[in-house]
Amino acid sequence: MYEFLQQTVGDTMTRSVRSVTPETTVADLYRLFAVDDFDAYPVVQDDTLVGIVSKLDALKPFAFARDQLLPHYADGMATMVGEIMSTEVVAVESDTHLQRVLQLMIAHRVKSLPVVDEWKNLLGIIAREDIMRAMARSVLLEYPPALPFATA
């Protein structure tokens, strides 16, 4: 497990990230969720991370409001991501240790974190599956599986 403590986000993150823009509609967002089976997308404008939009956020346009008992489906689907996204994003840099990422994921109850540089440019994403694979690799290095004994 000592190796795990030395690993950083840059060693483990996924570099090709699908993101959306603030101008993406909820209809397009629903199509992306159906195809990718992701729980959230980073929202990027001019290569800079400006928010994150989740499946829960995508339901916001269809919630009941005081001034409207039944939201209009077409209006909700035309809503833009910029209107529903979360702008307070927990993100990490590529030199962040995986142990810190694990702490952040647990504290904020998220499945993945965007990886950004010092200018908030999106570099990748680190997901809990990435953390679990890194832990498994560390355990295998420390405790390699025993070879079966040959019997005569």
N, C-alpha and C. Protein backbone atom coordinates (compact mmCIF):
# COMPACT_ATOMS: atom_id res chain seq x y z
N MET A 1 0.81 -1.20 0.00
CA MET A 1 0.00 0.00 0.00
C MET A 1 0.85 1.26 0.00
N TYR A 2 2.13 1.13 0.32
CA TYR A 2 2.98 2.32 0.35
C TYR A 2 3.08 2.96 -1.03
N GLU A 3 3.08 2.13 -2.07
CA GLU A 3 3.15 2.68 -3.42
C GLU A 3 1.92 3.55 -3.71
N PHE A 4 0.77 3.13 -3.24
CA PHE A 4 -0.45 3.92 -3.45
C PHE A 4 -0.31 5.32 -2.87
N LEU A 5 0.33 5.43 -1.72
CA LEU A 5 0.49 6.73 -1.07
C LEU A 5 1.38 7.67 -1.88
N GLN A 6 2.20 7.12 -2.75
CA GLN A 6 3.09 7.94 -3.58
C GLN A 6 2.47 8.34 -4.92
N GLN A 7 1.41 7.66 -5.33
CA GLN A 7 0.84 7.91 -6.65
C GLN A 7 0.07 9.22 -6.68
N THR A 8 0.12 9.85 -7.85
CA THR A 8 -0.59 11.12 -8.04
C THR A 8 -1.67 10.97 -9.11
N VAL A 9 -2.50 11.97 -9.19
CA VAL A 9 -3.58 12.00 -10.17
C VAL A 9 -3.03 11.84 -11.59
N GLY A 10 -1.90 12.49 -11.87
CA GLY A 10 -1.30 12.42 -13.20
C GLY A 10 -0.92 11.01 -13.61
N ASP A 11 -0.66 10.14 -12.64
CA ASP A 11 -0.31 8.74 -12.92
C ASP A 11 -1.53 7.91 -13.31
N THR A 12 -2.71 8.36 -12.92
CA THR A 12 -3.89 7.50 -12.96
C THR A 12 -5.07 8.07 -13.73
N MET A 13 -5.14 9.38 -13.92
CA MET A 13 -6.33 10.02 -14.48
C MET A 13 -6.61 9.60 -15.93
N THR A 14 -7.84 9.78 -16.34
CA THR A 14 -8.24 9.61 -17.72
C THR A 14 -8.06 10.97 -18.40
N ARG A 15 -7.29 10.98 -19.47
CA ARG A 15 -6.96 12.25 -20.12
C ARG A 15 -7.99 12.70 -21.15
N SER A 16 -8.63 11.77 -21.80
CA SER A 16 -9.65 12.15 -22.79
C SER A 16 -10.98 12.25 -22.06
N VAL A 17 -11.48 13.47 -21.94
CA VAL A 17 -12.68 13.72 -21.16
C VAL A 17 -13.75 14.31 -22.05
N ARG A 18 -14.94 13.79 -21.94
CA ARG A 18 -16.07 14.39 -22.64
C ARG A 18 -16.63 15.47 -21.73
N SER A 19 -16.79 16.64 -22.28
CA SER A 19 -17.33 17.76 -21.51
C SER A 19 -18.45 18.40 -22.31
N VAL A 20 -19.16 19.32 -21.66
CA VAL A 20 -20.22 20.08 -22.32
C VAL A 20 -19.94 21.56 -22.11
N THR A 21 -20.67 22.39 -22.83
CA THR A 21 -20.54 23.84 -22.68
C THR A 21 -21.77 24.37 -21.96
N PRO A 22 -21.71 25.59 -21.47
CA PRO A 22 -22.90 26.19 -20.83
C PRO A 22 -24.08 26.31 -21.79
N GLU A 23 -23.82 26.32 -23.09
CA GLU A 23 -24.89 26.45 -24.08
C GLU A 23 -25.53 25.12 -24.48
N THR A 24 -25.01 24.01 -23.98
CA THR A 24 -25.60 22.70 -24.25
C THR A 24 -27.00 22.66 -23.67
N THR A 25 -27.96 22.13 -24.42
CA THR A 25 -29.33 22.05 -23.91
C THR A 25 -29.50 20.79 -23.06
N VAL A 26 -30.53 20.81 -22.24
CA VAL A 26 -30.86 19.64 -21.43
C VAL A 26 -31.18 18.45 -22.33
N ALA A 27 -31.83 18.70 -23.47
CA ALA A 27 -32.13 17.61 -24.41
C ALA A 27 -30.84 16.93 -24.87
N ASP A 28 -29.85 17.73 -25.25
CA ASP A 28 -28.56 17.16 -25.67
C ASP A 28 -27.86 16.48 -24.51
N LEU A 29 -27.99 17.05 -23.33
CA LEU A 29 -27.40 16.46 -22.14
C LEU A 29 -28.00 15.08 -21.86
N TYR A 30 -29.32 14.95 -21.97
CA TYR A 30 -29.98 13.66 -21.78
C TYR A 30 -29.45 12.63 -22.77
N ARG A 31 -29.25 13.05 -24.02
CA ARG A 31 -28.72 12.12 -25.03
C ARG A 31 -27.31 11.66 -24.65
N LEU A 32 -26.49 12.58 -24.15
CA LEU A 32 -25.14 12.21 -23.73
C LEU A 32 -25.18 11.25 -22.54
N PHE A 33 -26.02 11.53 -21.57
CA PHE A 33 -26.15 10.63 -20.42
C PHE A 33 -26.55 9.23 -20.87
N ALA A 34 -27.43 9.13 -21.85
CA ALA A 34 -27.89 7.82 -22.33
C ALA A 34 -26.77 7.06 -23.04
N VAL A 35 -25.95 7.77 -23.78
CA VAL A 35 -24.88 7.13 -24.55
C VAL A 35 -23.70 6.75 -23.67
N ASP A 36 -23.27 7.67 -22.81
CA ASP A 36 -22.04 7.47 -22.05
C ASP A 36 -22.24 6.79 -20.70
N ASP A 37 -23.44 6.86 -20.17
CA ASP A 37 -23.71 6.32 -18.84
C ASP A 37 -22.82 6.96 -17.78
N PHE A 38 -22.54 8.26 -17.93
CA PHE A 38 -21.81 9.02 -16.92
C PHE A 38 -22.83 9.61 -15.94
N ASP A 39 -22.37 10.00 -14.77
CA ASP A 39 -23.24 10.64 -13.79
C ASP A 39 -23.14 12.16 -13.84
N ALA A 40 -22.07 12.66 -14.45
CA ALA A 40 -21.87 14.11 -14.52
C ALA A 40 -20.87 14.43 -15.63
N TYR A 41 -20.94 15.65 -16.10
CA TYR A 41 -20.00 16.16 -17.10
C TYR A 41 -19.38 17.46 -16.61
N PRO A 42 -18.08 17.63 -16.85
CA PRO A 42 -17.49 18.93 -16.61
C PRO A 42 -18.07 19.93 -17.63
N VAL A 43 -18.24 21.16 -17.22
CA VAL A 43 -18.73 22.21 -18.12
C VAL A 43 -17.54 23.12 -18.41
N VAL A 44 -17.23 23.26 -19.69
CA VAL A 44 -16.03 23.98 -20.10
C VAL A 44 -16.40 25.09 -21.07
N GLN A 45 -15.79 26.24 -20.86
CA GLN A 45 -15.96 27.37 -21.78
C GLN A 45 -14.57 27.92 -22.06
N ASP A 46 -14.20 27.98 -23.34
CA ASP A 46 -12.86 28.45 -23.74
C ASP A 46 -11.78 27.66 -23.02
N ASP A 47 -11.91 26.34 -22.99
CA ASP A 47 -10.96 25.42 -22.36
C ASP A 47 -10.87 25.53 -20.84
N THR A 48 -11.68 26.38 -20.23
CA THR A 48 -11.63 26.57 -18.78
C THR A 48 -12.83 25.91 -18.11
N LEU A 49 -12.58 25.19 -17.04
CA LEU A 49 -13.65 24.56 -16.27
C LEU A 49 -14.48 25.64 -15.58
N VAL A 50 -15.78 25.68 -15.88
CA VAL A 50 -16.66 26.70 -15.27
C VAL A 50 -17.75 26.08 -14.40
N GLY A 51 -17.87 24.75 -14.44
CA GLY A 51 -18.89 24.11 -13.63
C GLY A 51 -18.93 22.62 -13.86
N ILE A 52 -19.93 22.00 -13.27
CA ILE A 52 -20.18 20.57 -13.47
C ILE A 52 -21.69 20.40 -13.49
N VAL A 53 -22.16 19.48 -14.33
CA VAL A 53 -23.60 19.24 -14.42
C VAL A 53 -23.84 17.75 -14.24
N SER A 54 -24.74 17.42 -13.33
CA SER A 54 -25.03 16.03 -12.99
C SER A 54 -26.42 15.63 -13.48
N LYS A 55 -26.72 14.36 -13.35
CA LYS A 55 -28.06 13.88 -13.69
C LYS A 55 -29.10 14.56 -12.81
N LEU A 56 -28.77 14.79 -11.56
CA LEU A 56 -29.71 15.48 -10.68
C LEU A 56 -29.95 16.91 -11.16
N ASP A 57 -28.89 17.60 -11.57
CA ASP A 57 -29.04 18.95 -12.12
C ASP A 57 -29.95 18.94 -13.33
N ALA A 58 -29.86 17.90 -14.15
CA ALA A 58 -30.65 17.81 -15.37
C ALA A 58 -32.15 17.64 -15.09
N LEU A 59 -32.49 17.31 -13.87
CA LEU A 59 -33.90 17.19 -13.49
C LEU A 59 -34.49 18.51 -13.01
N LYS A 60 -33.65 19.47 -12.69
CA LYS A 60 -34.11 20.75 -12.14
C LYS A 60 -35.19 21.44 -12.98
N PRO A 61 -35.07 21.48 -14.31
CA PRO A 61 -36.10 22.19 -15.10
C PRO A 61 -37.50 21.57 -15.01
N PHE A 62 -37.59 20.36 -14.50
CA PHE A 62 -38.87 19.67 -14.45
C PHE A 62 -39.48 19.62 -13.06
N ALA A 63 -38.86 20.28 -12.11
CA ALA A 63 -39.38 20.32 -10.74
C ALA A 63 -40.53 21.31 -10.64
N PHE A 64 -41.43 21.06 -9.75
CA PHE A 64 -42.55 21.97 -9.53
C PHE A 64 -42.04 23.29 -8.98
N ALA A 65 -42.67 24.37 -9.40
CA ALA A 65 -42.31 25.70 -8.91
C ALA A 65 -43.58 26.38 -8.39
N ARG A 66 -43.41 27.41 -7.58
CA ARG A 66 -44.57 28.11 -7.01
C ARG A 66 -45.45 28.73 -8.09
N ASP A 67 -44.82 29.26 -9.13
CA ASP A 67 -45.59 29.95 -10.16
C ASP A 67 -46.06 29.04 -11.29
N GLN A 68 -45.69 27.77 -11.24
CA GLN A 68 -46.07 26.85 -12.32
C GLN A 68 -46.23 25.45 -11.73
N LEU A 69 -47.44 24.97 -11.76
CA LEU A 69 -47.72 23.67 -11.18
C LEU A 69 -47.09 22.54 -11.98
N LEU A 70 -47.18 22.62 -13.29
CA LEU A 70 -46.64 21.57 -14.15
C LEU A 70 -45.67 22.18 -15.15
N PRO A 71 -44.39 21.90 -15.00
CA PRO A 71 -43.40 22.45 -15.93
C PRO A 71 -43.65 21.94 -17.36
N HIS A 72 -43.37 22.75 -18.34
CA HIS A 72 -43.53 22.36 -19.73
C HIS A 72 -42.31 21.57 -20.18
N TYR A 73 -42.56 20.40 -20.73
CA TYR A 73 -41.49 19.50 -21.14
C TYR A 73 -40.56 20.16 -22.15
N ALA A 74 -41.12 20.77 -23.17
CA ALA A 74 -40.30 21.40 -24.23
C ALA A 74 -39.43 22.51 -23.66
N ASP A 75 -39.98 23.29 -22.73
CA ASP A 75 -39.19 24.35 -22.11
C ASP A 75 -38.04 23.77 -21.29
N GLY A 76 -38.33 22.72 -20.55
CA GLY A 76 -37.29 22.08 -19.75
C GLY A 76 -36.17 21.51 -20.61
N MET A 77 -36.53 20.88 -21.73
CA MET A 77 -35.52 20.29 -22.61
C MET A 77 -34.69 21.37 -23.31
N ALA A 78 -35.24 22.57 -23.45
CA ALA A 78 -34.51 23.67 -24.09
C ALA A 78 -33.63 24.44 -23.10
N THR A 79 -33.76 24.15 -21.81
CA THR A 79 -32.94 24.82 -20.80
C THR A 79 -31.47 24.55 -21.09
N MET A 80 -30.66 25.54 -20.88
CA MET A 80 -29.22 25.39 -21.13
C MET A 80 -28.48 24.99 -19.85
N VAL A 81 -27.43 24.23 -20.04
CA VAL A 81 -26.63 23.73 -18.92
C VAL A 81 -26.16 24.87 -18.02
N GLY A 82 -25.84 26.02 -18.58
CA GLY A 82 -25.39 27.15 -17.79
C GLY A 82 -26.39 27.60 -16.75
N GLU A 83 -27.67 27.27 -16.95
CA GLU A 83 -28.72 27.65 -16.00
C GLU A 83 -28.86 26.66 -14.84
N ILE A 84 -28.37 25.44 -15.02
CA ILE A 84 -28.60 24.39 -14.02
C ILE A 84 -27.32 23.82 -13.41
N MET A 85 -26.18 24.12 -13.99
CA MET A 85 -24.91 23.53 -13.53
C MET A 85 -24.52 24.04 -12.15
N SER A 86 -23.69 23.27 -11.50
CA SER A 86 -23.09 23.69 -10.24
C SER A 86 -21.79 24.40 -10.57
N THR A 87 -21.61 25.59 -10.01
CA THR A 87 -20.40 26.35 -10.32
C THR A 87 -19.32 26.16 -9.25
N GLU A 88 -19.69 25.63 -8.12
CA GLU A 88 -18.71 25.35 -7.07
C GLU A 88 -18.23 23.91 -7.26
N VAL A 89 -17.13 23.78 -7.97
CA VAL A 89 -16.62 22.47 -8.37
C VAL A 89 -15.40 22.12 -7.54
N VAL A 90 -15.40 20.92 -7.01
CA VAL A 90 -14.21 20.40 -6.34
C VAL A 90 -13.36 19.78 -7.45
N ALA A 91 -12.19 20.34 -7.68
CA ALA A 91 -11.29 19.85 -8.71
C ALA A 91 -9.91 19.63 -8.09
N VAL A 92 -9.09 18.86 -8.77
CA VAL A 92 -7.73 18.59 -8.30
C VAL A 92 -6.74 18.86 -9.43
N GLU A 93 -5.49 19.01 -9.06
CA GLU A 93 -4.42 19.16 -10.05
C GLU A 93 -3.71 17.83 -10.23
N SER A 94 -2.95 17.70 -11.29
CA SER A 94 -2.34 16.40 -11.62
C SER A 94 -1.29 15.95 -10.61
N ASP A 95 -0.76 16.86 -9.80
CA ASP A 95 0.24 16.46 -8.80
C ASP A 95 -0.38 16.12 -7.45
N THR A 96 -1.70 16.12 -7.36
CA THR A 96 -2.40 15.76 -6.12
C THR A 96 -2.24 14.26 -5.87
N HIS A 97 -1.93 13.88 -4.64
CA HIS A 97 -1.80 12.46 -4.30
C HIS A 97 -3.17 11.79 -4.27
N LEU A 98 -3.20 10.53 -4.66
CA LEU A 98 -4.46 9.79 -4.73
C LEU A 98 -5.14 9.68 -3.37
N GLN A 99 -4.37 9.64 -2.31
CA GLN A 99 -4.97 9.58 -0.97
C GLN A 99 -5.82 10.83 -0.72
N ARG A 100 -5.34 11.99 -1.17
CA ARG A 100 -6.11 13.23 -1.02
C ARG A 100 -7.37 13.19 -1.88
N VAL A 101 -7.27 12.65 -3.08
CA VAL A 101 -8.44 12.51 -3.96
C VAL A 101 -9.49 11.64 -3.29
N LEU A 102 -9.05 10.55 -2.71
CA LEU A 102 -9.96 9.65 -2.01
C LEU A 102 -10.67 10.38 -0.87
N GLN A 103 -9.94 11.17 -0.11
CA GLN A 103 -10.54 11.95 0.97
C GLN A 103 -11.59 12.93 0.43
N LEU A 104 -11.28 13.62 -0.66
CA LEU A 104 -12.21 14.57 -1.26
C LEU A 104 -13.47 13.89 -1.78
N MET A 105 -13.30 12.74 -2.42
CA MET A 105 -14.46 12.01 -2.94
C MET A 105 -15.40 11.60 -1.81
N ILE A 106 -14.84 11.13 -0.73
CA ILE A 106 -15.66 10.70 0.40
C ILE A 106 -16.32 11.90 1.07
N ALA A 107 -15.56 12.96 1.28
CA ALA A 107 -16.10 14.14 1.96
C ALA A 107 -17.21 14.82 1.16
N HIS A 108 -17.07 14.84 -0.16
CA HIS A 108 -18.05 15.53 -1.01
C HIS A 108 -19.04 14.58 -1.67
N ARG A 109 -18.89 13.29 -1.38
CA ARG A 109 -19.80 12.26 -1.90
C ARG A 109 -19.94 12.35 -3.42
N VAL A 110 -18.79 12.37 -4.11
CA VAL A 110 -18.76 12.41 -5.57
C VAL A 110 -18.03 11.18 -6.10
N LYS A 111 -18.34 10.84 -7.34
CA LYS A 111 -17.76 9.65 -7.96
C LYS A 111 -16.52 9.97 -8.79
N SER A 112 -16.36 11.23 -9.15
CA SER A 112 -15.21 11.63 -9.94
C SER A 112 -14.91 13.10 -9.70
N LEU A 113 -13.68 13.49 -10.03
CA LEU A 113 -13.25 14.88 -9.88
C LEU A 113 -12.55 15.32 -11.16
N PRO A 114 -12.86 16.51 -11.64
CA PRO A 114 -12.12 17.05 -12.78
C PRO A 114 -10.68 17.33 -12.37
N VAL A 115 -9.78 17.18 -13.33
CA VAL A 115 -8.37 17.49 -13.12
C VAL A 115 -8.06 18.74 -13.94
N VAL A 116 -7.53 19.76 -13.28
CA VAL A 116 -7.27 21.04 -13.94
C VAL A 116 -5.83 21.47 -13.71
N ASP A 117 -5.39 22.43 -14.53
CA ASP A 117 -4.08 23.03 -14.29
C ASP A 117 -4.28 24.31 -13.49
N GLU A 118 -3.23 25.07 -13.30
CA GLU A 118 -3.31 26.27 -12.47
C GLU A 118 -4.24 27.34 -13.04
N TRP A 119 -4.56 27.27 -14.33
CA TRP A 119 -5.46 28.24 -14.96
C TRP A 119 -6.87 27.70 -15.11
N LYS A 120 -7.16 26.57 -14.46
CA LYS A 120 -8.47 25.90 -14.50
C LYS A 120 -8.80 25.29 -15.86
N ASN A 121 -7.75 25.03 -16.67
CA ASN A 121 -7.96 24.32 -17.93
C ASN A 121 -8.17 22.84 -17.61
N LEU A 122 -9.16 22.22 -18.23
CA LEU A 122 -9.47 20.82 -17.98
C LEU A 122 -8.42 19.93 -18.61
N LEU A 123 -7.78 19.10 -17.80
CA LEU A 123 -6.74 18.18 -18.26
C LEU A 123 -7.21 16.74 -18.32
N GLY A 124 -8.20 16.40 -17.50
CA GLY A 124 -8.65 15.02 -17.42
C GLY A 124 -9.67 14.88 -16.32
N ILE A 125 -9.89 13.62 -15.95
CA ILE A 125 -10.83 13.32 -14.87
C ILE A 125 -10.28 12.13 -14.09
N ILE A 126 -10.52 12.12 -12.81
CA ILE A 126 -10.12 10.99 -11.96
C ILE A 126 -11.40 10.45 -11.32
N ALA A 127 -11.66 9.18 -11.54
CA ALA A 127 -12.88 8.55 -11.05
C ALA A 127 -12.54 7.55 -9.95
N ARG A 128 -13.57 7.17 -9.20
CA ARG A 128 -13.32 6.22 -8.10
C ARG A 128 -12.80 4.90 -8.63
N GLU A 129 -13.19 4.52 -9.86
CA GLU A 129 -12.67 3.29 -10.45
C GLU A 129 -11.16 3.39 -10.66
N ASP A 130 -10.68 4.59 -11.02
CA ASP A 130 -9.24 4.80 -11.18
C ASP A 130 -8.52 4.60 -9.85
N ILE A 131 -9.12 5.11 -8.78
CA ILE A 131 -8.54 4.96 -7.43
C ILE A 131 -8.51 3.48 -7.04
N MET A 132 -9.59 2.78 -7.31
CA MET A 132 -9.66 1.36 -6.95
C MET A 132 -8.63 0.54 -7.72
N ARG A 133 -8.43 0.85 -9.01
CA ARG A 133 -7.41 0.14 -9.79
C ARG A 133 -6.01 0.42 -9.25
N ALA A 134 -5.75 1.67 -8.89
CA ALA A 134 -4.44 2.02 -8.34
C ALA A 134 -4.19 1.28 -7.02
N MET A 135 -5.22 1.18 -6.20
CA MET A 135 -5.07 0.45 -4.94
C MET A 135 -4.81 -1.03 -5.21
N ALA A 136 -5.54 -1.59 -6.16
CA ALA A 136 -5.36 -3.01 -6.48
C ALA A 136 -3.94 -3.27 -7.01
N ARG A 137 -3.43 -2.39 -7.86
CA ARG A 137 -2.06 -2.55 -8.37
C ARG A 137 -1.05 -2.50 -7.22
N SER A 138 -1.25 -1.61 -6.28
CA SER A 138 -0.34 -1.48 -5.15
C SER A 138 -0.35 -2.74 -4.29
N VAL A 139 -1.50 -3.28 -4.06
CA VAL A 139 -1.62 -4.50 -3.26
C VAL A 139 -0.96 -5.66 -3.97
N LEU A 140 -1.15 -5.75 -5.30
CA LEU A 140 -0.52 -6.85 -6.04
C LEU A 140 1.00 -6.75 -6.02
N LEU A 141 1.54 -5.54 -6.03
CA LEU A 141 2.99 -5.38 -5.96
C LEU A 141 3.52 -5.77 -4.59
N GLU A 142 2.76 -5.45 -3.56
CA GLU A 142 3.19 -5.76 -2.21
C GLU A 142 2.96 -7.23 -1.85
N TYR A 143 1.84 -7.78 -2.33
CA TYR A 143 1.47 -9.17 -2.03
C TYR A 143 1.15 -9.89 -3.33
N PRO A 144 2.16 -10.28 -4.12
CA PRO A 144 1.87 -10.98 -5.38
C PRO A 144 1.17 -12.30 -5.09
N PRO A 145 0.31 -12.71 -6.02
CA PRO A 145 -0.40 -13.98 -5.80
C PRO A 145 0.60 -15.14 -5.74
N ALA A 146 0.31 -16.08 -4.87
CA ALA A 146 1.18 -17.26 -4.72
C ALA A 146 0.98 -18.17 -5.91
N LEU A 147 2.06 -18.77 -6.36
CA LEU A 147 1.97 -19.73 -7.44
C LEU A 147 1.52 -21.07 -6.87
N PRO A 148 0.67 -21.76 -7.60
CA PRO A 148 0.23 -23.07 -7.08
C PRO A 148 1.40 -24.06 -7.10
N PHE A 149 1.40 -24.93 -6.10
CA PHE A 149 2.46 -25.94 -6.03
C PHE A 149 2.16 -27.06 -7.00
N ALA A 150 3.21 -27.55 -7.64
CA ALA A 150 3.03 -28.67 -8.56
C ALA A 150 2.97 -29.95 -7.72
N THR A 151 2.08 -30.80 -8.11
CA THR A 151 1.98 -32.09 -7.39
C THR A 151 2.43 -33.20 -8.32
N ALA A 152 3.07 -34.19 -7.74
CA ALA A 152 3.57 -35.30 -8.53
C ALA A 152 2.70 -36.51 -8.37
